[in-house]
PDB file of N, CA and C in Angstrom:
ATOM      1  N   UNK A   1      50.072 -26.018 -69.315  1.00  0.00           N
ATOM      2  CA  UNK A   1      49.238 -26.985 -69.999  1.00  0.00           C
ATOM      3  C   UNK A   1      48.229 -27.540 -69.014  1.00  0.00           C
ATOM      4  N   UNK A   2      46.991 -27.631 -69.417  1.00  0.00           N
ATOM      5  CA  UNK A   2      45.975 -28.172 -68.518  1.00  0.00           C
ATOM      6  C   UNK A   2      46.098 -29.679 -68.382  1.00  0.00           C
ATOM      7  N   UNK A   3      45.589 -30.175 -67.271  1.00  0.00           N
ATOM      8  CA  UNK A   3      45.551 -31.607 -67.039  1.00  0.00           C
ATOM      9  C   UNK A   3      44.139 -32.142 -67.232  1.00  0.00           C
ATOM     10  N   UNK A   4      43.876 -33.316 -66.659  1.00  0.00           N
ATOM     11  CA  UNK A   4      42.592 -33.984 -66.865  1.00  0.00           C
ATOM     12  C   UNK A   4      41.412 -33.261 -66.217  1.00  0.00           C
ATOM     13  N   UNK A   5      41.659 -32.320 -65.342  1.00  0.00           N
ATOM     14  CA  UNK A   5      40.548 -31.540 -64.778  1.00  0.00           C
ATOM     15  C   UNK A   5      40.030 -30.522 -65.780  1.00  0.00           C
ATOM     16  N   UNK A   6      40.743 -30.289 -66.852  1.00  0.00           N
ATOM     17  CA  UNK A   6      40.335 -29.312 -67.871  1.00  0.00           C
ATOM     18  C   UNK A   6      40.124 -29.921 -69.250  1.00  0.00           C
ATOM     19  N   UNK A   7      40.812 -31.008 -69.560  1.00  0.00           N
ATOM     20  CA  UNK A   7      40.704 -31.622 -70.892  1.00  0.00           C
ATOM     21  C   UNK A   7      40.490 -33.123 -70.732  1.00  0.00           C
ATOM     22  N   UNK A   8      39.384 -33.614 -71.285  1.00  0.00           N
ATOM     23  CA  UNK A   8      39.094 -35.047 -71.211  1.00  0.00           C
ATOM     24  C   UNK A   8      40.086 -35.827 -72.070  1.00  0.00           C
ATOM     25  N   UNK A   9      40.511 -36.997 -71.572  1.00  0.00           N
ATOM     26  CA  UNK A   9      41.429 -37.836 -72.342  1.00  0.00           C
ATOM     27  C   UNK A   9      40.864 -39.239 -72.554  1.00  0.00           C
ATOM     28  N   UNK A  10      39.562 -39.434 -72.279  1.00  0.00           N
ATOM     29  CA  UNK A  10      38.965 -40.756 -72.406  1.00  0.00           C
ATOM     30  C   UNK A  10      38.950 -41.277 -73.839  1.00  0.00           C
ATOM     31  N   UNK A  11      39.054 -40.403 -74.829  1.00  0.00           N
ATOM     32  CA  UNK A  11      39.122 -40.820 -76.235  1.00  0.00           C
ATOM     33  C   UNK A  11      40.488 -40.499 -76.835  1.00  0.00           C
ATOM     34  N   UNK A  12      41.489 -40.418 -75.989  1.00  0.00           N
ATOM     35  CA  UNK A  12      42.841 -40.123 -76.447  1.00  0.00           C
ATOM     36  C   UNK A  12      43.272 -38.724 -76.048  1.00  0.00           C
ATOM     37  N   UNK A  13      44.536 -38.481 -76.225  1.00  0.00           N
ATOM     38  CA  UNK A  13      45.099 -37.181 -75.872  1.00  0.00           C
ATOM     39  C   UNK A  13      44.630 -36.129 -76.872  1.00  0.00           C
ATOM     40  N   UNK A  14      44.487 -34.887 -76.416  1.00  0.00           N
ATOM     41  CA  UNK A  14      44.110 -33.824 -77.348  1.00  0.00           C
ATOM     42  C   UNK A  14      45.224 -33.568 -78.364  1.00  0.00           C
ATOM     43  N   UNK A  15      44.843 -33.034 -79.496  1.00  0.00           N
ATOM     44  CA  UNK A  15      45.801 -32.635 -80.526  1.00  0.00           C
ATOM     45  C   UNK A  15      46.175 -31.168 -80.314  1.00  0.00           C
ATOM     46  N   UNK A  16      47.398 -30.815 -80.614  1.00  0.00           N
ATOM     47  CA  UNK A  16      47.828 -29.421 -80.546  1.00  0.00           C
ATOM     48  C   UNK A  16      47.513 -28.806 -81.911  1.00  0.00           C
ATOM     49  N   UNK A  17      46.663 -27.792 -81.914  1.00  0.00           N
ATOM     50  CA  UNK A  17      46.158 -27.168 -83.137  1.00  0.00           C
ATOM     51  C   UNK A  17      47.264 -26.463 -83.916  1.00  0.00           C
ATOM     52  N   UNK A  18      47.414 -26.833 -85.170  1.00  0.00           N
ATOM     53  CA  UNK A  18      48.318 -26.176 -86.123  1.00  0.00           C
ATOM     54  C   UNK A  18      49.760 -26.068 -85.641  1.00  0.00           C
ATOM     55  N   UNK A  19      50.233 -27.082 -84.935  1.00  0.00           N
ATOM     56  CA  UNK A  19      51.631 -27.111 -84.493  1.00  0.00           C
ATOM     57  C   UNK A  19      52.214 -28.482 -84.816  1.00  0.00           C
ATOM     58  N   UNK A  20      52.612 -28.672 -86.067  1.00  0.00           N
ATOM     59  CA  UNK A  20      53.253 -29.922 -86.467  1.00  0.00           C
ATOM     60  C   UNK A  20      54.505 -30.135 -85.630  1.00  0.00           C
ATOM     61  N   UNK A  21      54.695 -31.340 -85.181  1.00  0.00           N
ATOM     62  CA  UNK A  21      55.873 -31.650 -84.385  1.00  0.00           C
ATOM     63  C   UNK A  21      55.708 -31.429 -82.897  1.00  0.00           C
ATOM     64  N   UNK A  22      54.562 -30.882 -82.462  1.00  0.00           N
ATOM     65  CA  UNK A  22      54.284 -30.693 -81.035  1.00  0.00           C
ATOM     66  C   UNK A  22      53.112 -31.592 -80.678  1.00  0.00           C
ATOM     67  N   UNK A  23      53.304 -32.445 -79.656  1.00  0.00           N
ATOM     68  CA  UNK A  23      52.256 -33.389 -79.260  1.00  0.00           C
ATOM     69  C   UNK A  23      51.981 -33.295 -77.762  1.00  0.00           C
ATOM     70  N   UNK A  24      50.716 -33.460 -77.405  1.00  0.00           N
ATOM     71  CA  UNK A  24      50.289 -33.579 -76.014  1.00  0.00           C
ATOM     72  C   UNK A  24      50.388 -35.065 -75.697  1.00  0.00           C
ATOM     73  N   UNK A  25      51.266 -35.455 -74.778  1.00  0.00           N
ATOM     74  CA  UNK A  25      51.550 -36.880 -74.598  1.00  0.00           C
ATOM     75  C   UNK A  25      51.154 -37.461 -73.245  1.00  0.00           C
ATOM     76  N   UNK A  26      50.719 -36.637 -72.320  1.00  0.00           N
ATOM     77  CA  UNK A  26      50.345 -37.167 -71.018  1.00  0.00           C
ATOM     78  C   UNK A  26      49.684 -36.108 -70.166  1.00  0.00           C
ATOM     79  N   UNK A  27      48.934 -36.566 -69.158  1.00  0.00           N
ATOM     80  CA  UNK A  27      48.246 -35.616 -68.292  1.00  0.00           C
ATOM     81  C   UNK A  27      48.079 -36.181 -66.896  1.00  0.00           C
ATOM     82  N   UNK A  28      48.299 -35.328 -65.909  1.00  0.00           N
ATOM     83  CA  UNK A  28      47.932 -35.630 -64.530  1.00  0.00           C
ATOM     84  C   UNK A  28      46.681 -34.807 -64.250  1.00  0.00           C
ATOM     85  N   UNK A  29      46.246 -34.712 -63.007  1.00  0.00           N
ATOM     86  CA  UNK A  29      45.064 -33.904 -62.695  1.00  0.00           C
ATOM     87  C   UNK A  29      45.230 -32.447 -63.097  1.00  0.00           C
ATOM     88  N   UNK A  30      46.384 -31.883 -62.822  1.00  0.00           N
ATOM     89  CA  UNK A  30      46.593 -30.440 -62.985  1.00  0.00           C
ATOM     90  C   UNK A  30      47.461 -30.033 -64.177  1.00  0.00           C
ATOM     91  N   UNK A  31      48.240 -30.960 -64.724  1.00  0.00           N
ATOM     92  CA  UNK A  31      49.207 -30.574 -65.745  1.00  0.00           C
ATOM     93  C   UNK A  31      49.181 -31.525 -66.937  1.00  0.00           C
ATOM     94  N   UNK A  32      49.535 -30.976 -68.090  1.00  0.00           N
ATOM     95  CA  UNK A  32      49.697 -31.779 -69.289  1.00  0.00           C
ATOM     96  C   UNK A  32      51.162 -31.830 -69.671  1.00  0.00           C
ATOM     97  N   UNK A  33      51.503 -32.805 -70.488  1.00  0.00           N
ATOM     98  CA  UNK A  33      52.889 -32.976 -70.917  1.00  0.00           C
ATOM     99  C   UNK A  33      52.957 -32.822 -72.432  1.00  0.00           C
ATOM    100  N   UNK A  34      53.873 -31.976 -72.885  1.00  0.00           N
ATOM    101  CA  UNK A  34      54.115 -31.777 -74.310  1.00  0.00           C
ATOM    102  C   UNK A  34      55.451 -32.377 -74.691  1.00  0.00           C
ATOM    103  N   UNK A  35      55.517 -32.911 -75.885  1.00  0.00           N
ATOM    104  CA  UNK A  35      56.775 -33.351 -76.463  1.00  0.00           C
ATOM    105  C   UNK A  35      56.835 -32.781 -77.865  1.00  0.00           C
ATOM    106  N   UNK A  36      58.055 -32.488 -78.340  1.00  0.00           N
ATOM    107  CA  UNK A  36      58.184 -31.941 -79.688  1.00  0.00           C
ATOM    108  C   UNK A  36      59.465 -32.418 -80.330  1.00  0.00           C
ATOM    109  N   UNK A  37      59.440 -32.365 -81.648  1.00  0.00           N
ATOM    110  CA  UNK A  37      60.628 -32.725 -82.408  1.00  0.00           C
ATOM    111  C   UNK A  37      61.597 -31.548 -82.394  1.00  0.00           C
ATOM    112  N   UNK A  38      62.845 -31.838 -82.639  1.00  0.00           N
ATOM    113  CA  UNK A  38      63.874 -30.798 -82.620  1.00  0.00           C
ATOM    114  C   UNK A  38      63.508 -29.653 -83.566  1.00  0.00           C
ATOM    115  N   UNK A  39      63.677 -28.444 -83.082  1.00  0.00           N
ATOM    116  CA  UNK A  39      63.363 -27.272 -83.881  1.00  0.00           C
ATOM    117  C   UNK A  39      61.908 -26.850 -83.829  1.00  0.00           C
ATOM    118  N   UNK A  40      61.067 -27.580 -83.095  1.00  0.00           N
ATOM    119  CA  UNK A  40      59.636 -27.275 -83.018  1.00  0.00           C
ATOM    120  C   UNK A  40      59.217 -26.886 -81.614  1.00  0.00           C
ATOM    121  N   UNK A  41      60.116 -26.383 -80.807  1.00  0.00           N
ATOM    122  CA  UNK A  41      59.842 -26.101 -79.403  1.00  0.00           C
ATOM    123  C   UNK A  41      58.735 -25.100 -79.159  1.00  0.00           C
ATOM    124  N   UNK A  42      58.394 -24.979 -77.899  1.00  0.00           N
ATOM    125  CA  UNK A  42      57.345 -24.076 -77.435  1.00  0.00           C
ATOM    126  C   UNK A  42      58.003 -23.044 -76.521  1.00  0.00           C
ATOM    127  N   UNK A  43      57.636 -21.807 -76.695  1.00  0.00           N
ATOM    128  CA  UNK A  43      58.186 -20.731 -75.873  1.00  0.00           C
ATOM    129  C   UNK A  43      57.419 -20.604 -74.558  1.00  0.00           C
ATOM    130  N   UNK A  44      58.099 -20.247 -73.485  1.00  0.00           N
ATOM    131  CA  UNK A  44      57.437 -19.996 -72.213  1.00  0.00           C
ATOM    132  C   UNK A  44      56.425 -18.866 -72.411  1.00  0.00           C
ATOM    133  N   UNK A  45      55.205 -19.089 -71.975  1.00  0.00           N
ATOM    134  CA  UNK A  45      54.139 -18.096 -72.111  1.00  0.00           C
ATOM    135  C   UNK A  45      53.371 -18.185 -73.416  1.00  0.00           C
ATOM    136  N   UNK A  46      53.827 -19.009 -74.340  1.00  0.00           N
ATOM    137  CA  UNK A  46      53.122 -19.163 -75.616  1.00  0.00           C
ATOM    138  C   UNK A  46      51.775 -19.844 -75.394  1.00  0.00           C
ATOM    139  N   UNK A  47      50.740 -19.365 -76.065  1.00  0.00           N
ATOM    140  CA  UNK A  47      49.412 -19.959 -75.958  1.00  0.00           C
ATOM    141  C   UNK A  47      49.233 -20.992 -77.066  1.00  0.00           C
ATOM    142  N   UNK A  48      48.783 -22.176 -76.674  1.00  0.00           N
ATOM    143  CA  UNK A  48      48.521 -23.242 -77.620  1.00  0.00           C
ATOM    144  C   UNK A  48      47.046 -23.601 -77.575  1.00  0.00           C
ATOM    145  N   UNK A  49      46.498 -23.955 -78.700  1.00  0.00           N
ATOM    146  CA  UNK A  49      45.111 -24.413 -78.756  1.00  0.00           C
ATOM    147  C   UNK A  49      45.111 -25.933 -78.801  1.00  0.00           C
ATOM    148  N   UNK A  50      44.250 -26.533 -77.979  1.00  0.00           N
ATOM    149  CA  UNK A  50      44.121 -27.981 -77.941  1.00  0.00           C
ATOM    150  C   UNK A  50      42.767 -28.398 -78.494  1.00  0.00           C
ATOM    151  N   UNK A  51      42.749 -29.510 -79.211  1.00  0.00           N
ATOM    152  CA  UNK A  51      41.517 -30.080 -79.742  1.00  0.00           C
ATOM    153  C   UNK A  51      41.294 -31.404 -79.016  1.00  0.00           C
ATOM    154  N   UNK A  52      40.308 -31.468 -78.103  1.00  0.00           N
ATOM    155  CA  UNK A  52      40.100 -32.701 -77.347  1.00  0.00           C
ATOM    156  C   UNK A  52      39.550 -33.813 -78.225  1.00  0.00           C
ATOM    157  N   UNK A  53      39.891 -35.048 -77.874  1.00  0.00           N
ATOM    158  CA  UNK A  53      39.368 -36.203 -78.593  1.00  0.00           C
ATOM    159  C   UNK A  53      37.902 -36.433 -78.321  1.00  0.00           C
ATOM    160  N   UNK A  54      37.398 -35.978 -77.191  1.00  0.00           N
ATOM    161  CA  UNK A  54      35.991 -36.147 -76.800  1.00  0.00           C
ATOM    162  C   UNK A  54      35.547 -34.823 -76.195  1.00  0.00           C
ATOM    163  N   UNK A  55      34.720 -34.097 -76.918  1.00  0.00           N
ATOM    164  CA  UNK A  55      34.403 -32.734 -76.479  1.00  0.00           C
ATOM    165  C   UNK A  55      33.396 -32.672 -75.331  1.00  0.00           C
ATOM    166  N   UNK A  56      32.437 -33.601 -75.252  1.00  0.00           N
ATOM    167  CA  UNK A  56      31.385 -33.506 -74.230  1.00  0.00           C
ATOM    168  C   UNK A  56      31.929 -33.365 -72.809  1.00  0.00           C
ATOM    169  N   UNK A  57      32.809 -34.266 -72.355  1.00  0.00           N
ATOM    170  CA  UNK A  57      33.296 -34.119 -70.985  1.00  0.00           C
ATOM    171  C   UNK A  57      34.345 -33.021 -70.831  1.00  0.00           C
ATOM    172  N   UNK A  58      34.704 -32.353 -71.906  1.00  0.00           N
ATOM    173  CA  UNK A  58      35.591 -31.198 -71.813  1.00  0.00           C
ATOM    174  C   UNK A  58      34.775 -29.922 -71.697  1.00  0.00           C
ATOM    175  N   UNK A  59      33.703 -29.808 -72.474  1.00  0.00           N
ATOM    176  CA  UNK A  59      32.870 -28.600 -72.493  1.00  0.00           C
ATOM    177  C   UNK A  59      32.322 -28.271 -71.112  1.00  0.00           C
ATOM    178  N   UNK A  60      31.857 -29.270 -70.369  1.00  0.00           N
ATOM    179  CA  UNK A  60      31.210 -28.992 -69.082  1.00  0.00           C
ATOM    180  C   UNK A  60      32.182 -28.623 -67.970  1.00  0.00           C
ATOM    181  N   UNK A  61      33.446 -28.523 -68.273  1.00  0.00           N
ATOM    182  CA  UNK A  61      34.435 -28.157 -67.259  1.00  0.00           C
ATOM    183  C   UNK A  61      34.725 -26.662 -67.228  1.00  0.00           C
ATOM    184  N   UNK A  62      34.041 -25.902 -68.075  1.00  0.00           N
ATOM    185  CA  UNK A  62      34.290 -24.465 -68.173  1.00  0.00           C
ATOM    186  C   UNK A  62      32.992 -23.682 -68.044  1.00  0.00           C
ATOM    187  N   UNK A  63      33.074 -22.453 -67.585  1.00  0.00           N
ATOM    188  CA  UNK A  63      31.900 -21.589 -67.443  1.00  0.00           C
ATOM    189  C   UNK A  63      31.497 -20.941 -68.759  1.00  0.00           C
ATOM    190  N   UNK A  64      32.451 -20.728 -69.640  1.00  0.00           N
ATOM    191  CA  UNK A  64      32.165 -20.114 -70.930  1.00  0.00           C
ATOM    192  C   UNK A  64      33.285 -20.426 -71.913  1.00  0.00           C
ATOM    193  N   UNK A  65      32.975 -20.269 -73.187  1.00  0.00           N
ATOM    194  CA  UNK A  65      33.947 -20.473 -74.262  1.00  0.00           C
ATOM    195  C   UNK A  65      34.106 -19.191 -75.056  1.00  0.00           C
ATOM    196  N   UNK A  66      35.270 -19.001 -75.602  1.00  0.00           N
ATOM    197  CA  UNK A  66      35.578 -17.826 -76.409  1.00  0.00           C
ATOM    198  C   UNK A  66      35.620 -18.263 -77.871  1.00  0.00           C
ATOM    199  N   UNK A  67      34.779 -17.641 -78.704  1.00  0.00           N
ATOM    200  CA  UNK A  67      34.779 -17.919 -80.136  1.00  0.00           C
ATOM    201  C   UNK A  67      35.743 -16.976 -80.834  1.00  0.00           C
ATOM    202  N   UNK A  68      36.734 -17.538 -81.524  1.00  0.00           N
ATOM    203  CA  UNK A  68      37.757 -16.734 -82.197  1.00  0.00           C
ATOM    204  C   UNK A  68      37.690 -17.003 -83.695  1.00  0.00           C
ATOM    205  N   UNK A  69      37.717 -15.933 -84.478  1.00  0.00           N
ATOM    206  CA  UNK A  69      37.762 -16.054 -85.926  1.00  0.00           C
ATOM    207  C   UNK A  69      38.768 -15.031 -86.446  1.00  0.00           C
ATOM    208  N   UNK A  70      39.673 -15.491 -87.291  1.00  0.00           N
ATOM    209  CA  UNK A  70      40.663 -14.588 -87.844  1.00  0.00           C
ATOM    210  C   UNK A  70      41.550 -13.938 -86.793  1.00  0.00           C
ATOM    211  N   UNK A  71      41.784 -14.651 -85.682  1.00  0.00           N
ATOM    212  CA  UNK A  71      42.641 -14.120 -84.636  1.00  0.00           C
ATOM    213  C   UNK A  71      41.991 -13.104 -83.722  1.00  0.00           C
ATOM    214  N   UNK A  72      40.691 -12.873 -83.903  1.00  0.00           N
ATOM    215  CA  UNK A  72      39.975 -11.904 -83.061  1.00  0.00           C
ATOM    216  C   UNK A  72      38.818 -12.584 -82.338  1.00  0.00           C
ATOM    217  N   UNK A  73      38.555 -12.144 -81.110  1.00  0.00           N
ATOM    218  CA  UNK A  73      37.420 -12.668 -80.356  1.00  0.00           C
ATOM    219  C   UNK A  73      36.144 -12.187 -81.025  1.00  0.00           C
ATOM    220  N   UNK A  74      35.290 -13.143 -81.384  1.00  0.00           N
ATOM    221  CA  UNK A  74      34.036 -12.817 -82.059  1.00  0.00           C
ATOM    222  C   UNK A  74      32.825 -12.974 -81.144  1.00  0.00           C
ATOM    223  N   UNK A  75      32.899 -13.912 -80.197  1.00  0.00           N
ATOM    224  CA  UNK A  75      31.757 -14.122 -79.315  1.00  0.00           C
ATOM    225  C   UNK A  75      32.195 -14.846 -78.046  1.00  0.00           C
ATOM    226  N   UNK A  76      31.330 -14.793 -77.043  1.00  0.00           N
ATOM    227  CA  UNK A  76      31.488 -15.563 -75.808  1.00  0.00           C
ATOM    228  C   UNK A  76      30.266 -16.451 -75.671  1.00  0.00           C
ATOM    229  N   UNK A  77      30.485 -17.730 -75.420  1.00  0.00           N
ATOM    230  CA  UNK A  77      29.399 -18.678 -75.260  1.00  0.00           C
ATOM    231  C   UNK A  77      29.367 -19.172 -73.819  1.00  0.00           C
ATOM    232  N   UNK A  78      28.338 -18.816 -73.057  1.00  0.00           N
ATOM    233  CA  UNK A  78      28.236 -19.365 -71.698  1.00  0.00           C
ATOM    234  C   UNK A  78      27.829 -20.832 -71.733  1.00  0.00           C
ATOM    235  N   UNK A  79      28.307 -21.596 -70.789  1.00  0.00           N
ATOM    236  CA  UNK A  79      27.919 -22.996 -70.648  1.00  0.00           C
ATOM    237  C   UNK A  79      26.859 -23.014 -69.540  1.00  0.00           C
ATOM    238  N   UNK A  80      25.595 -22.979 -69.976  1.00  0.00           N
ATOM    239  CA  UNK A  80      24.464 -22.794 -69.049  1.00  0.00           C
ATOM    240  C   UNK A  80      24.352 -23.906 -68.010  1.00  0.00           C
ATOM    241  N   UNK A  81      24.691 -25.121 -68.359  1.00  0.00           N
ATOM    242  CA  UNK A  81      24.526 -26.246 -67.433  1.00  0.00           C
ATOM    243  C   UNK A  81      25.758 -26.496 -66.584  1.00  0.00           C
ATOM    244  N   UNK A  82      26.728 -25.621 -66.635  1.00  0.00           N
ATOM    245  CA  UNK A  82      27.951 -25.798 -65.865  1.00  0.00           C
ATOM    246  C   UNK A  82      27.627 -25.947 -64.389  1.00  0.00           C
ATOM    247  N   UNK A  83      28.068 -27.053 -63.798  1.00  0.00           N
ATOM    248  CA  UNK A  83      27.865 -27.276 -62.376  1.00  0.00           C
ATOM    249  C   UNK A  83      26.478 -27.783 -62.007  1.00  0.00           C
ATOM    250  N   UNK A  84      25.621 -27.993 -63.010  1.00  0.00           N
ATOM    251  CA  UNK A  84      24.258 -28.474 -62.729  1.00  0.00           C
ATOM    252  C   UNK A  84      24.291 -29.978 -62.421  1.00  0.00           C
ATOM    253  N   UNK A  85      23.654 -30.349 -61.347  1.00  0.00           N
ATOM    254  CA  UNK A  85      23.579 -31.753 -60.965  1.00  0.00           C
ATOM    255  C   UNK A  85      22.125 -32.125 -60.744  1.00  0.00           C
ATOM    256  N   UNK A  86      21.783 -33.338 -61.097  1.00  0.00           N
ATOM    257  CA  UNK A  86      20.389 -33.809 -60.926  1.00  0.00           C
ATOM    258  C   UNK A  86      20.137 -34.185 -59.491  1.00  0.00           C
TER     259      UNK A  86
END
């Protein structure tokens, strides 16, 4: 799980996409913390999608994004301003 260096938490913790009973409950610089209700566990190596509460400071932390539709990669979006400083 990514931490605050990958997912902004200034508007709250990210939501775990389409996983009822699984919540992102905390983050350090490098790691995130998940909690889940009984019977809703996460498998080691399982990929989870997170929806950040504030996308702007999350988007600029990556070089590119992967667009997925119907479970298949449809496009790659480069983040042109990544690392740009005034």
